[in-house]
PDB file of N, CA and C in Angstrom:
ATOM      1  N   MET A   1       8.003 109.477 187.372  1.00  0.00           N
ATOM      2  CA  MET A   1       8.870 110.547 186.944  1.00  0.00           C
ATOM      3  C   MET A   1      10.117 110.638 187.839  1.00  0.00           C
ATOM      4  N   LYS A   2       9.878 110.449 189.143  1.00  0.00           N
ATOM      5  CA  LYS A   2      10.954 110.519 190.088  1.00  0.00           C
ATOM      6  C   LYS A   2      11.940 109.381 189.851  1.00  0.00           C
ATOM      7  N   ARG A   3      11.446 108.215 189.494  1.00  0.00           N
ATOM      8  CA  ARG A   3      12.294 107.058 189.217  1.00  0.00           C
ATOM      9  C   ARG A   3      13.145 107.285 187.968  1.00  0.00           C
ATOM     10  N   ILE A   4      12.616 107.928 186.976  1.00  0.00           N
ATOM     11  CA  ILE A   4      13.344 108.189 185.742  1.00  0.00           C
ATOM     12  C   ILE A   4      14.511 109.141 186.039  1.00  0.00           C
ATOM     13  N   LYS A   5      14.292 110.167 186.884  1.00  0.00           N
ATOM     14  CA  LYS A   5      15.355 111.091 187.247  1.00  0.00           C
ATOM     15  C   LYS A   5      16.475 110.363 187.989  1.00  0.00           C
ATOM     16  N   GLN A   6      16.069 109.494 188.936  1.00  0.00           N
ATOM     17  CA  GLN A   6      17.075 108.766 189.708  1.00  0.00           C
ATOM     18  C   GLN A   6      17.862 107.808 188.806  1.00  0.00           C
ATOM     19  N   LEU A   7      17.144 107.149 187.905  1.00  0.00           N
ATOM     20  CA  LEU A   7      17.801 106.214 186.990  1.00  0.00           C
ATOM     21  C   LEU A   7      18.763 106.957 186.043  1.00  0.00           C
ATOM     22  N   SER A   8      18.349 108.112 185.562  1.00  0.00           N
ATOM     23  CA  SER A   8      19.224 108.880 184.670  1.00  0.00           C
ATOM     24  C   SER A   8      20.458 109.391 185.426  1.00  0.00           C
ATOM     25  N   GLN A   9      20.283 109.782 186.710  1.00  0.00           N
ATOM     26  CA  GLN A   9      21.423 110.225 187.508  1.00  0.00           C
ATOM     27  C   GLN A   9      22.396 109.069 187.761  1.00  0.00           C
ATOM     28  N   ILE A  10      21.891 107.893 188.019  1.00  0.00           N
ATOM     29  CA  ILE A  10      22.738 106.719 188.249  1.00  0.00           C
ATOM     30  C   ILE A  10      23.519 106.376 186.983  1.00  0.00           C
ATOM     31  N   ILE A  11      22.855 106.457 185.858  1.00  0.00           N
ATOM     32  CA  ILE A  11      23.521 106.172 184.583  1.00  0.00           C
ATOM     33  C   ILE A  11      24.613 107.211 184.321  1.00  0.00           C
ATOM     34  N   LEU A  12      24.334 108.484 184.542  1.00  0.00           N
ATOM     35  CA  LEU A  12      25.335 109.533 184.339  1.00  0.00           C
ATOM     36  C   LEU A  12      26.540 109.359 185.274  1.00  0.00           C
ATOM     37  N   ILE A  13      26.289 109.038 186.526  1.00  0.00           N
ATOM     38  CA  ILE A  13      27.382 108.840 187.483  1.00  0.00           C
ATOM     39  C   ILE A  13      28.214 107.629 187.085  1.00  0.00           C
ATOM     40  N   SER A  14      27.573 106.548 186.662  1.00  0.00           N
ATOM     41  CA  SER A  14      28.327 105.356 186.262  1.00  0.00           C
ATOM     42  C   SER A  14      29.154 105.624 185.001  1.00  0.00           C
ATOM     43  N   ILE A  15      28.635 106.390 184.065  1.00  0.00           N
ATOM     44  CA  ILE A  15      29.399 106.745 182.868  1.00  0.00           C
ATOM     45  C   ILE A  15      30.605 107.607 183.263  1.00  0.00           C
ATOM     46  N   PHE A  16      30.381 108.562 184.157  1.00  0.00           N
ATOM     47  CA  PHE A  16      31.470 109.422 184.593  1.00  0.00           C
ATOM     48  C   PHE A  16      32.568 108.624 185.304  1.00  0.00           C
ATOM     49  N   LEU A  17      32.188 107.737 186.178  1.00  0.00           N
ATOM     50  CA  LEU A  17      33.182 106.930 186.906  1.00  0.00           C
ATOM     51  C   LEU A  17      33.931 105.973 185.975  1.00  0.00           C
ATOM     52  N   SER A  18      33.216 105.400 185.008  1.00  0.00           N
ATOM     53  CA  SER A  18      33.884 104.465 184.100  1.00  0.00           C
ATOM     54  C   SER A  18      34.850 105.207 183.176  1.00  0.00           C
ATOM     55  N   SER A  19      34.520 106.437 182.815  1.00  0.00           N
ATOM     56  CA  SER A  19      35.427 107.196 181.955  1.00  0.00           C
ATOM     57  C   SER A  19      36.686 107.592 182.721  1.00  0.00           C
ATOM     58  N   CYS A  20      36.583 107.910 183.985  1.00  0.00           N
ATOM     59  CA  CYS A  20      37.766 108.239 184.787  1.00  0.00           C
ATOM     60  C   CYS A  20      38.657 107.015 184.940  1.00  0.00           C
ATOM     61  N   LYS A  21      38.072 105.873 185.095  1.00  0.00           N
ATOM     62  CA  LYS A  21      38.845 104.651 185.264  1.00  0.00           C
ATOM     63  C   LYS A  21      39.656 104.340 184.011  1.00  0.00           C
ATOM     64  N   THR A  22      39.096 104.551 182.838  1.00  0.00           N
ATOM     65  CA  THR A  22      39.833 104.272 181.609  1.00  0.00           C
ATOM     66  C   THR A  22      40.944 105.285 181.401  1.00  0.00           C
ATOM     67  N   SER A  23      40.743 106.530 181.810  1.00  0.00           N
ATOM     68  CA  SER A  23      41.813 107.508 181.637  1.00  0.00           C
ATOM     69  C   SER A  23      42.987 107.189 182.557  1.00  0.00           C
ATOM     70  N   ILE A  24      42.722 106.675 183.742  1.00  0.00           N
ATOM     71  CA  ILE A  24      43.808 106.266 184.640  1.00  0.00           C
ATOM     72  C   ILE A  24      44.576 105.106 184.031  1.00  0.00           C
ATOM     73  N   ASN A  25      43.881 104.168 183.431  1.00  0.00           N
ATOM     74  CA  ASN A  25      44.547 103.042 182.785  1.00  0.00           C
ATOM     75  C   ASN A  25      45.413 103.515 181.618  1.00  0.00           C
ATOM     76  N   LYS A  26      44.925 104.484 180.855  1.00  0.00           N
ATOM     77  CA  LYS A  26      45.701 105.002 179.731  1.00  0.00           C
ATOM     78  C   LYS A  26      46.969 105.682 180.214  1.00  0.00           C
ATOM     79  N   GLU A  27      46.894 106.418 181.344  1.00  0.00           N
ATOM     80  CA  GLU A  27      48.080 107.081 181.875  1.00  0.00           C
ATOM     81  C   GLU A  27      49.135 106.071 182.295  1.00  0.00           C
ATOM     82  N   SER A  28      48.718 104.975 182.904  1.00  0.00           N
ATOM     83  CA  SER A  28      49.700 103.972 183.316  1.00  0.00           C
ATOM     84  C   SER A  28      50.316 103.294 182.093  1.00  0.00           C
ATOM     85  N   GLN A  29      49.545 103.140 181.018  1.00  0.00           N
ATOM     86  CA  GLN A  29      50.110 102.579 179.802  1.00  0.00           C
ATOM     87  C   GLN A  29      51.140 103.528 179.197  1.00  0.00           C
ATOM     88  N   ILE A  30      50.891 104.818 179.253  1.00  0.00           N
ATOM     89  CA  ILE A  30      51.838 105.803 178.735  1.00  0.00           C
ATOM     90  C   ILE A  30      53.117 105.764 179.548  1.00  0.00           C
ATOM     91  N   ILE A  31      53.020 105.659 180.852  1.00  0.00           N
ATOM     92  CA  ILE A  31      54.211 105.586 181.702  1.00  0.00           C
ATOM     93  C   ILE A  31      55.011 104.330 181.369  1.00  0.00           C
ATOM     94  N   ASN A  32      54.338 103.203 181.209  1.00  0.00           N
ATOM     95  CA  ASN A  32      55.046 101.967 180.879  1.00  0.00           C
ATOM     96  C   ASN A  32      55.715 102.048 179.518  1.00  0.00           C
ATOM     97  N   SER A  33      55.073 102.694 178.542  1.00  0.00           N
ATOM     98  CA  SER A  33      55.688 102.794 177.222  1.00  0.00           C
ATOM     99  C   SER A  33      56.910 103.696 177.273  1.00  0.00           C
ATOM    100  N   GLY A  34      56.930 104.696 178.150  1.00  0.00           N
ATOM    101  CA  GLY A  34      58.108 105.547 178.315  1.00  0.00           C
ATOM    102  C   GLY A  34      59.284 104.767 178.860  1.00  0.00           C
ATOM    103  N   GLU A  35      59.028 103.835 179.749  1.00  0.00           N
ATOM    104  CA  GLU A  35      60.110 103.006 180.276  1.00  0.00           C
ATOM    105  C   GLU A  35      60.694 102.135 179.180  1.00  0.00           C
ATOM    106  N   ASN A  36      59.857 101.646 178.290  1.00  0.00           N
ATOM    107  CA  ASN A  36      60.363 100.825 177.192  1.00  0.00           C
ATOM    108  C   ASN A  36      61.234 101.629 176.249  1.00  0.00           C
ATOM    109  N   ILE A  37      60.896 102.887 176.034  1.00  0.00           N
ATOM    110  CA  ILE A  37      61.696 103.744 175.163  1.00  0.00           C
ATOM    111  C   ILE A  37      63.082 103.938 175.770  1.00  0.00           C
ATOM    112  N   ASN A  38      63.143 104.148 177.072  1.00  0.00           N
ATOM    113  CA  ASN A  38      64.443 104.320 177.726  1.00  0.00           C
ATOM    114  C   ASN A  38      65.291 103.057 177.617  1.00  0.00           C
ATOM    115  N   ASP A  39      64.665 101.887 177.724  1.00  0.00           N
ATOM    116  CA  ASP A  39      65.408 100.642 177.581  1.00  0.00           C
ATOM    117  C   ASP A  39      65.998 100.516 176.191  1.00  0.00           C
ATOM    118  N   ASN A  40      65.267 100.975 175.163  1.00  0.00           N
ATOM    119  CA  ASN A  40      65.767 100.897 173.794  1.00  0.00           C
ATOM    120  C   ASN A  40      66.945 101.841 173.579  1.00  0.00           C
ATOM    121  N   ASN A  41      66.962 102.983 174.270  1.00  0.00           N
ATOM    122  CA  ASN A  41      68.066 103.926 174.106  1.00  0.00           C
ATOM    123  C   ASN A  41      69.375 103.349 174.611  1.00  0.00           C
ATOM    124  N   TYR A  42      69.306 102.537 175.671  1.00  0.00           N
ATOM    125  CA  TYR A  42      70.526 101.968 176.211  1.00  0.00           C
ATOM    126  C   TYR A  42      71.105 100.912 175.289  1.00  0.00           C
ATOM    127  N   SER A  43      70.280 100.291 174.470  1.00  0.00           N
ATOM    128  CA  SER A  43      70.784  99.257 173.580  1.00  0.00           C
ATOM    129  C   SER A  43      71.390  99.852 172.302  1.00  0.00           C
ATOM    130  N   GLU A  44      71.171 101.147 172.052  1.00  0.00           N
ATOM    131  CA  GLU A  44      71.752 101.766 170.866  1.00  0.00           C
ATOM    132  C   GLU A  44      73.255 101.932 171.036  1.00  0.00           C
ATOM    133  N   LYS A  45      73.959 101.960 169.924  1.00  0.00           N
ATOM    134  CA  LYS A  45      75.407 102.096 169.964  1.00  0.00           C
ATOM    135  C   LYS A  45      75.787 103.564 170.112  1.00  0.00           C
ATOM    136  N   LYS A  46      76.886 103.784 170.831  1.00  0.00           N
ATOM    137  CA  LYS A  46      77.372 105.142 171.034  1.00  0.00           C
ATOM    138  C   LYS A  46      78.458 105.430 170.014  1.00  0.00           C
ATOM    139  N   ARG A  47      78.502 106.679 169.542  1.00  0.00           N
ATOM    140  CA  ARG A  47      79.525 107.106 168.585  1.00  0.00           C
ATOM    141  C   ARG A  47      80.178 108.378 169.093  1.00  0.00           C
ATOM    142  N   MET A  48      81.459 108.506 168.782  1.00  0.00           N
ATOM    143  CA  MET A  48      82.175 109.728 169.113  1.00  0.00           C
ATOM    144  C   MET A  48      83.276 109.965 168.106  1.00  0.00           C
ATOM    145  N   GLU A  49      83.636 111.213 167.974  1.00  0.00           N
ATOM    146  CA  GLU A  49      84.738 111.599 167.086  1.00  0.00           C
ATOM    147  C   GLU A  49      85.813 112.234 167.949  1.00  0.00           C
ATOM    148  N   ILE A  50      87.053 111.725 167.808  1.00  0.00           N
ATOM    149  CA  ILE A  50      88.167 112.292 168.560  1.00  0.00           C
ATOM    150  C   ILE A  50      89.284 112.666 167.600  1.00  0.00           C
ATOM    151  N   LYS A  51      90.090 113.631 168.030  1.00  0.00           N
ATOM    152  CA  LYS A  51      91.190 114.132 167.187  1.00  0.00           C
ATOM    153  C   LYS A  51      92.483 114.102 167.997  1.00  0.00           C
ATOM    154  N   PHE A  52      93.537 113.649 167.364  1.00  0.00           N
ATOM    155  CA  PHE A  52      94.883 113.691 167.931  1.00  0.00           C
ATOM    156  C   PHE A  52      95.773 114.395 166.920  1.00  0.00           C
ATOM    157  N   SER A  53      96.612 115.317 167.392  1.00  0.00           N
ATOM    158  CA  SER A  53      97.448 116.048 166.450  1.00  0.00           C
ATOM    159  C   SER A  53      98.878 116.171 166.965  1.00  0.00           C
ATOM    160  N   CYS A  54      99.766 116.396 166.028  1.00  0.00           N
ATOM    161  CA  CYS A  54     101.176 116.683 166.273  1.00  0.00           C
ATOM    162  C   CYS A  54     101.874 115.589 167.072  1.00  0.00           C
ATOM    163  N   GLY A  55     101.646 114.359 166.710  1.00  0.00           N
ATOM    164  CA  GLY A  55     102.340 113.241 167.332  1.00  0.00           C
ATOM    165  C   GLY A  55     101.674 112.689 168.575  1.00  0.00           C
ATOM    166  N   ASN A  56     100.680 113.347 169.110  1.00  0.00           N
ATOM    167  CA  ASN A  56      99.957 112.821 170.269  1.00  0.00           C
ATOM    168  C   ASN A  56      98.946 111.803 169.771  1.00  0.00           C
ATOM    169  N   ASP A  57      99.029 110.578 170.275  1.00  0.00           N
ATOM    170  CA  ASP A  57      98.100 109.539 169.831  1.00  0.00           C
ATOM    171  C   ASP A  57      97.708 108.686 171.027  1.00  0.00           C
ATOM    172  N   GLY A  58      96.480 108.862 171.491  1.00  0.00           N
ATOM    173  CA  GLY A  58      95.976 108.097 172.628  1.00  0.00           C
ATOM    174  C   GLY A  58      94.845 107.183 172.226  1.00  0.00           C
ATOM    175  N   ILE A  59      94.834 106.745 170.977  1.00  0.00           N
ATOM    176  CA  ILE A  59      93.741 105.906 170.486  1.00  0.00           C
ATOM    177  C   ILE A  59      93.741 104.542 171.163  1.00  0.00           C
ATOM    178  N   SER A  60      94.890 104.072 171.604  1.00  0.00           N
ATOM    179  CA  SER A  60      94.959 102.747 172.225  1.00  0.00           C
ATOM    180  C   SER A  60      94.141 102.688 173.515  1.00  0.00           C
ATOM    181  N   ASP A  61      94.042 103.807 174.227  1.00  0.00           N
ATOM    182  CA  ASP A  61      93.219 103.840 175.443  1.00  0.00           C
ATOM    183  C   ASP A  61      91.758 103.572 175.113  1.00  0.00           C
ATOM    184  N   TYR A  62      91.285 104.140 174.026  1.00  0.00           N
ATOM    185  CA  TYR A  62      89.893 103.942 173.618  1.00  0.00           C
ATOM    186  C   TYR A  62      89.669 102.525 173.104  1.00  0.00           C
ATOM    187  N   LEU A  63      90.619 102.003 172.375  1.00  0.00           N
ATOM    188  CA  LEU A  63      90.489 100.634 171.865  1.00  0.00           C
ATOM    189  C   LEU A  63      90.484  99.632 173.008  1.00  0.00           C
ATOM    190  N   ASP A  64      91.253  99.892 174.065  1.00  0.00           N
ATOM    191  CA  ASP A  64      91.253  99.013 175.238  1.00  0.00           C
ATOM    192  C   ASP A  64      89.924  99.055 175.974  1.00  0.00           C
ATOM    193  N   ASP A  65      89.211 100.189 175.876  1.00  0.00           N
ATOM    194  CA  ASP A  65      87.898 100.322 176.507  1.00  0.00           C
ATOM    195  C   ASP A  65      86.775  99.675 175.701  1.00  0.00           C
ATOM    196  N   GLY A  66      87.091  99.137 174.528  1.00  0.00           N
ATOM    197  CA  GLY A  66      86.076  98.457 173.729  1.00  0.00           C
ATOM    198  C   GLY A  66      85.538  99.254 172.565  1.00  0.00           C
ATOM    199  N   TRP A  67      86.097 100.413 172.286  1.00  0.00           N
ATOM    200  CA  TRP A  67      85.665 101.205 171.141  1.00  0.00           C
ATOM    201  C   TRP A  67      86.231 100.592 169.868  1.00  0.00           C
ATOM    202  N   ILE A  68      85.489 100.733 168.783  1.00  0.00           N
ATOM    203  CA  ILE A  68      85.890 100.215 167.474  1.00  0.00           C
ATOM    204  C   ILE A  68      86.030 101.399 166.517  1.00  0.00           C
ATOM    205  N   ILE A  69      87.096 101.399 165.727  1.00  0.00           N
ATOM    206  CA  ILE A  69      87.310 102.479 164.769  1.00  0.00           C
ATOM    207  C   ILE A  69      86.449 102.227 163.539  1.00  0.00           C
ATOM    208  N   LEU A  70      85.519 103.157 163.273  1.00  0.00           N
ATOM    209  CA  LEU A  70      84.687 103.066 162.078  1.00  0.00           C
ATOM    210  C   LEU A  70      85.351 103.761 160.891  1.00  0.00           C
ATOM    211  N   LYS A  71      85.964 104.914 161.169  1.00  0.00           N
ATOM    212  CA  LYS A  71      86.559 105.699 160.098  1.00  0.00           C
ATOM    213  C   LYS A  71      87.788 106.415 160.646  1.00  0.00           C
ATOM    214  N   GLU A  72      88.828 106.449 159.843  1.00  0.00           N
ATOM    215  CA  GLU A  72      90.056 107.149 160.225  1.00  0.00           C
ATOM    216  C   GLU A  72      90.433 108.098 159.103  1.00  0.00           C
ATOM    217  N   ASP A  73      90.749 109.340 159.463  1.00  0.00           N
ATOM    218  CA  ASP A  73      91.113 110.342 158.481  1.00  0.00           C
ATOM    219  C   ASP A  73      92.295 111.123 159.027  1.00  0.00           C
ATOM    220  N   SER A  74      93.138 111.610 158.153  1.00  0.00           N
ATOM    221  CA  SER A  74      94.264 112.419 158.603  1.00  0.00           C
ATOM    222  C   SER A  74      94.427 113.614 157.676  1.00  0.00           C
ATOM    223  N   GLN A  75      94.942 114.691 158.249  1.00  0.00           N
ATOM    224  CA  GLN A  75      95.191 115.896 157.479  1.00  0.00           C
ATOM    225  C   GLN A  75      96.368 116.640 158.080  1.00  0.00           C
ATOM    226  N   GLU A  76      96.972 117.475 157.277  1.00  0.00           N
ATOM    227  CA  GLU A  76      98.140 118.223 157.701  1.00  0.00           C
ATOM    228  C   GLU A  76      97.716 119.366 158.615  1.00  0.00           C
ATOM    229  N   LYS A  77      98.522 119.589 159.675  1.00  0.00           N
ATOM    230  CA  LYS A  77      98.201 120.653 160.614  1.00  0.00           C
ATOM    231  C   LYS A  77      99.489 121.302 161.091  1.00  0.00           C
ATOM    232  N   ILE A  78      99.438 122.595 161.348  1.00  0.00           N
ATOM    233  CA  ILE A  78     100.590 123.328 161.853  1.00  0.00           C
ATOM    234  C   ILE A  78     100.636 123.142 163.371  1.00  0.00           C
ATOM    235  N   CYS A  79     101.751 122.609 163.851  1.00  0.00           N
ATOM    236  CA  CYS A  79     101.892 122.338 165.288  1.00  0.00           C
ATOM    237  C   CYS A  79     102.424 123.551 166.057  1.00  0.00           C
ATOM    238  N   THR A  80     103.461 124.194 165.533  1.00  0.00           N
ATOM    239  CA  THR A  80     104.032 125.369 166.212  1.00  0.00           C
ATOM    240  C   THR A  80     104.304 126.479 165.202  1.00  0.00           C
ATOM    241  N   TRP A  81     104.376 127.703 165.701  1.00  0.00           N
ATOM    242  CA  TRP A  81     104.636 128.877 164.888  1.00  0.00           C
ATOM    243  C   TRP A  81     105.930 129.524 165.371  1.00  0.00           C
ATOM    244  N   LYS A  82     106.589 130.240 164.491  1.00  0.00           N
ATOM    245  CA  LYS A  82     107.787 130.984 164.875  1.00  0.00           C
ATOM    246  C   LYS A  82     107.732 132.370 164.247  1.00  0.00           C
ATOM    247  N   SER A  83     108.414 133.300 164.897  1.00  0.00           N
ATOM    248  CA  SER A  83     108.487 134.680 164.398  1.00  0.00           C
ATOM    249  C   SER A  83     109.854 134.889 163.757  1.00  0.00           C
ATOM    250  N   VAL A  84     109.847 135.464 162.581  1.00  0.00           N
ATOM    251  CA  VAL A  84     111.092 135.736 161.856  1.00  0.00           C
ATOM    252  C   VAL A  84     111.065 137.187 161.384  1.00  0.00           C
ATOM    253  N   PRO A  85     112.240 137.796 161.199  1.00  0.00           N
ATOM    254  CA  PRO A  85     112.263 139.179 160.696  1.00  0.00           C
ATOM    255  C   PRO A  85     111.870 139.228 159.219  1.00  0.00           C
ATOM    256  N   ALA A  86     111.197 140.273 158.837  1.00  0.00           N
ATOM    257  CA  ALA A  86     110.739 140.426 157.457  1.00  0.00           C
ATOM    258  C   ALA A  86     111.888 140.745 156.511  1.00  0.00           C
ATOM    259  N   SER A  87     112.910 141.404 157.004  1.00  0.00           N
ATOM    260  CA  SER A  87     114.084 141.727 156.178  1.00  0.00           C
ATOM    261  C   SER A  87     115.352 141.540 157.012  1.00  0.00           C
ATOM    262  N   LYS A  88     116.494 141.650 156.338  1.00  0.00           N
ATOM    263  CA  LYS A  88     117.766 141.415 157.033  1.00  0.00           C
ATOM    264  C   LYS A  88     118.075 142.497 158.069  1.00  0.00           C
ATOM    265  N   ASP A  89     117.718 143.707 157.782  1.00  0.00           N
ATOM    266  CA  ASP A  89     118.040 144.798 158.696  1.00  0.00           C
ATOM    267  C   ASP A  89     116.901 145.109 159.677  1.00  0.00           C
ATOM    268  N   CYS A  90     115.998 144.184 159.866  1.00  0.00           N
ATOM    269  CA  CYS A  90     114.865 144.362 160.790  1.00  0.00           C
ATOM    270  C   CYS A  90     115.272 143.902 162.196  1.00  0.00           C
ATOM    271  N   ASP A  91     115.024 144.746 163.186  1.00  0.00           N
ATOM    272  CA  ASP A  91     115.255 144.381 164.588  1.00  0.00           C
ATOM    273  C   ASP A  91     113.885 144.122 165.222  1.00  0.00           C
ATOM    274  N   MET A  92     113.580 142.839 165.455  1.00  0.00           N
ATOM    275  CA  MET A  92     112.246 142.468 165.935  1.00  0.00           C
ATOM    276  C   MET A  92     111.980 142.986 167.344  1.00  0.00           C
ATOM    277  N   GLU A  93     113.004 143.199 168.145  1.00  0.00           N
ATOM    278  CA  GLU A  93     112.823 143.684 169.507  1.00  0.00           C
ATOM    279  C   GLU A  93     112.393 145.155 169.508  1.00  0.00           C
ATOM    280  N   LYS A  94     112.957 145.938 168.616  1.00  0.00           N
ATOM    281  CA  LYS A  94     112.646 147.367 168.575  1.00  0.00           C
ATOM    282  C   LYS A  94     111.442 147.670 167.695  1.00  0.00           C
ATOM    283  N   ASP A  95     111.359 147.007 166.544  1.00  0.00           N
ATOM    284  CA  ASP A  95     110.301 147.287 165.566  1.00  0.00           C
ATOM    285  C   ASP A  95     109.426 146.049 165.404  1.00  0.00           C
ATOM    286  N   LYS A  96     108.321 146.020 166.108  1.00  0.00           N
ATOM    287  CA  LYS A  96     107.437 144.847 166.070  1.00  0.00           C
ATOM    288  C   LYS A  96     106.689 144.734 164.743  1.00  0.00           C
ATOM    289  N   GLY A  97     106.645 145.795 163.970  1.00  0.00           N
ATOM    290  CA  GLY A  97     105.935 145.781 162.692  1.00  0.00           C
ATOM    291  C   GLY A  97     106.652 144.998 161.614  1.00  0.00           C
ATOM    292  N   CYS A  98     107.916 144.681 161.816  1.00  0.00           N
ATOM    293  CA  CYS A  98     108.638 143.941 160.781  1.00  0.00           C
ATOM    294  C   CYS A  98     108.726 142.452 161.109  1.00  0.00           C
ATOM    295  N   LYS A  99     107.973 142.014 162.095  1.00  0.00           N
ATOM    296  CA  LYS A  99     107.984 140.608 162.493  1.00  0.00           C
ATOM    297  C   LYS A  99     106.934 139.830 161.689  1.00  0.00           C
ATOM    298  N   ILE A 100     107.340 138.693 161.172  1.00  0.00           N
ATOM    299  CA  ILE A 100     106.432 137.817 160.412  1.00  0.00           C
ATOM    300  C   ILE A 100     106.313 136.494 161.167  1.00  0.00           C
ATOM    301  N   THR A 101     105.104 135.992 161.274  1.00  0.00           N
ATOM    302  CA  THR A 101     104.876 134.700 161.920  1.00  0.00           C
ATOM    303  C   THR A 101     104.734 133.646 160.833  1.00  0.00           C
ATOM    304  N   GLN A 102     105.541 132.578 160.967  1.00  0.00           N
ATOM    305  CA  GLN A 102     105.533 131.489 159.986  1.00  0.00           C
ATOM    306  C   GLN A 102     105.327 130.166 160.708  1.00  0.00           C
ATOM    307  N   PRO A 103     104.829 129.164 159.976  1.00  0.00           N
ATOM    308  CA  PRO A 103     104.740 127.837 160.583  1.00  0.00           C
ATOM    309  C   PRO A 103     106.134 127.287 160.879  1.00  0.00           C
ATOM    310  N   ASP A 104     106.308 126.693 162.050  1.00  0.00           N
ATOM    311  CA  ASP A 104     107.599 126.132 162.430  1.00  0.00           C
ATOM    312  C   ASP A 104     107.598 124.622 162.183  1.00  0.00           C
ATOM    313  N   LYS A 105     106.701 123.926 162.819  1.00  0.00           N
ATOM    314  CA  LYS A 105     106.619 122.472 162.633  1.00  0.00           C
ATOM    315  C   LYS A 105     105.248 122.124 162.090  1.00  0.00           C
ATOM    316  N   ILE A 106     105.244 121.306 161.075  1.00  0.00           N
ATOM    317  CA  ILE A 106     104.004 120.843 160.465  1.00  0.00           C
ATOM    318  C   ILE A 106     103.862 119.369 160.785  1.00  0.00           C
ATOM    319  N   GLY A 107     102.728 119.023 161.343  1.00  0.00           N
ATOM    320  CA  GLY A 107     102.475 117.639 161.728  1.00  0.00           C
ATOM    321  C   GLY A 107     101.207 117.129 161.087  1.00  0.00           C
ATOM    322  N   GLU A 108     100.711 116.051 161.641  1.00  0.00           N
ATOM    323  CA  GLU A 108      99.526 115.407 161.095  1.00  0.00           C
ATOM    324  C   GLU A 108      98.466 115.327 162.184  1.00  0.00           C
ATOM    325  N   GLU A 109      97.233 115.638 161.808  1.00  0.00           N
ATOM    326  CA  GLU A 109      96.103 115.511 162.715  1.00  0.00           C
ATOM    327  C   GLU A 109      95.295 114.299 162.278  1.00  0.00           C
ATOM    328  N   LYS A 110      95.078 113.365 163.201  1.00  0.00           N
ATOM    329  CA  LYS A 110      94.293 112.168 162.902  1.00  0.00           C
ATOM    330  C   LYS A 110      92.929 112.304 163.541  1.00  0.00           C
ATOM    331  N   ILE A 111      91.907 112.020 162.753  1.00  0.00           N
ATOM    332  CA  ILE A 111      90.523 112.106 163.219  1.00  0.00           C
ATOM    333  C   ILE A 111      89.941 110.695 163.167  1.00  0.00           C
ATOM    334  N   TYR A 112      89.423 110.248 164.304  1.00  0.00           N
ATOM    335  CA  TYR A 112      88.855 108.911 164.397  1.00  0.00           C
ATOM    336  C   TYR A 112      87.367 109.004 164.698  1.00  0.00           C
ATOM    337  N   LEU A 113      86.572 108.176 164.012  1.00  0.00           N
ATOM    338  CA  LEU A 113      85.161 108.010 164.330  1.00  0.00           C
ATOM    339  C   LEU A 113      85.039 106.663 165.022  1.00  0.00           C
ATOM    340  N   LEU A 114      84.636 106.678 166.287  1.00  0.00           N
ATOM    341  CA  LEU A 114      84.593 105.470 167.090  1.00  0.00           C
ATOM    342  C   LEU A 114      83.167 105.078 167.408  1.00  0.00           C
ATOM    343  N   GLU A 115      82.968 103.787 167.643  1.00  0.00           N
ATOM    344  CA  GLU A 115      81.652 103.263 168.007  1.00  0.00           C
ATOM    345  C   GLU A 115      81.834 102.231 169.090  1.00  0.00           C
ATOM    346  N   LYS A 116      80.895 102.225 170.038  1.00  0.00           N
ATOM    347  CA  LYS A 116      80.957 101.263 171.132  1.00  0.00           C
ATOM    348  C   LYS A 116      79.668 100.498 171.202  1.00  0.00           C
TER     349      LYS A 116
END
């Protein structure tokens, strides 16, 4: 009877130790797989969208850095505003309520989708 107890205790201890060993191995596999995921992220292409408006165009700096234009779009944009009197007899300095703000210069805004 005493031998059976000792044998059962040895079996239980060996099962416990072997299960801990496999869990440690699984953790190291998880850590290694995380490193592989990070390596894959670096190989992915980067994308960005930039906008230039009212005659400012610095796209050549990005092209020199190795960026490629995927998509180019342009739209009209108001560059500056001006204040004008609402009527001929309006004094904008004295009566601020008769001042109207209008677009002064209308330019073009270019939107680029870049990839590297």
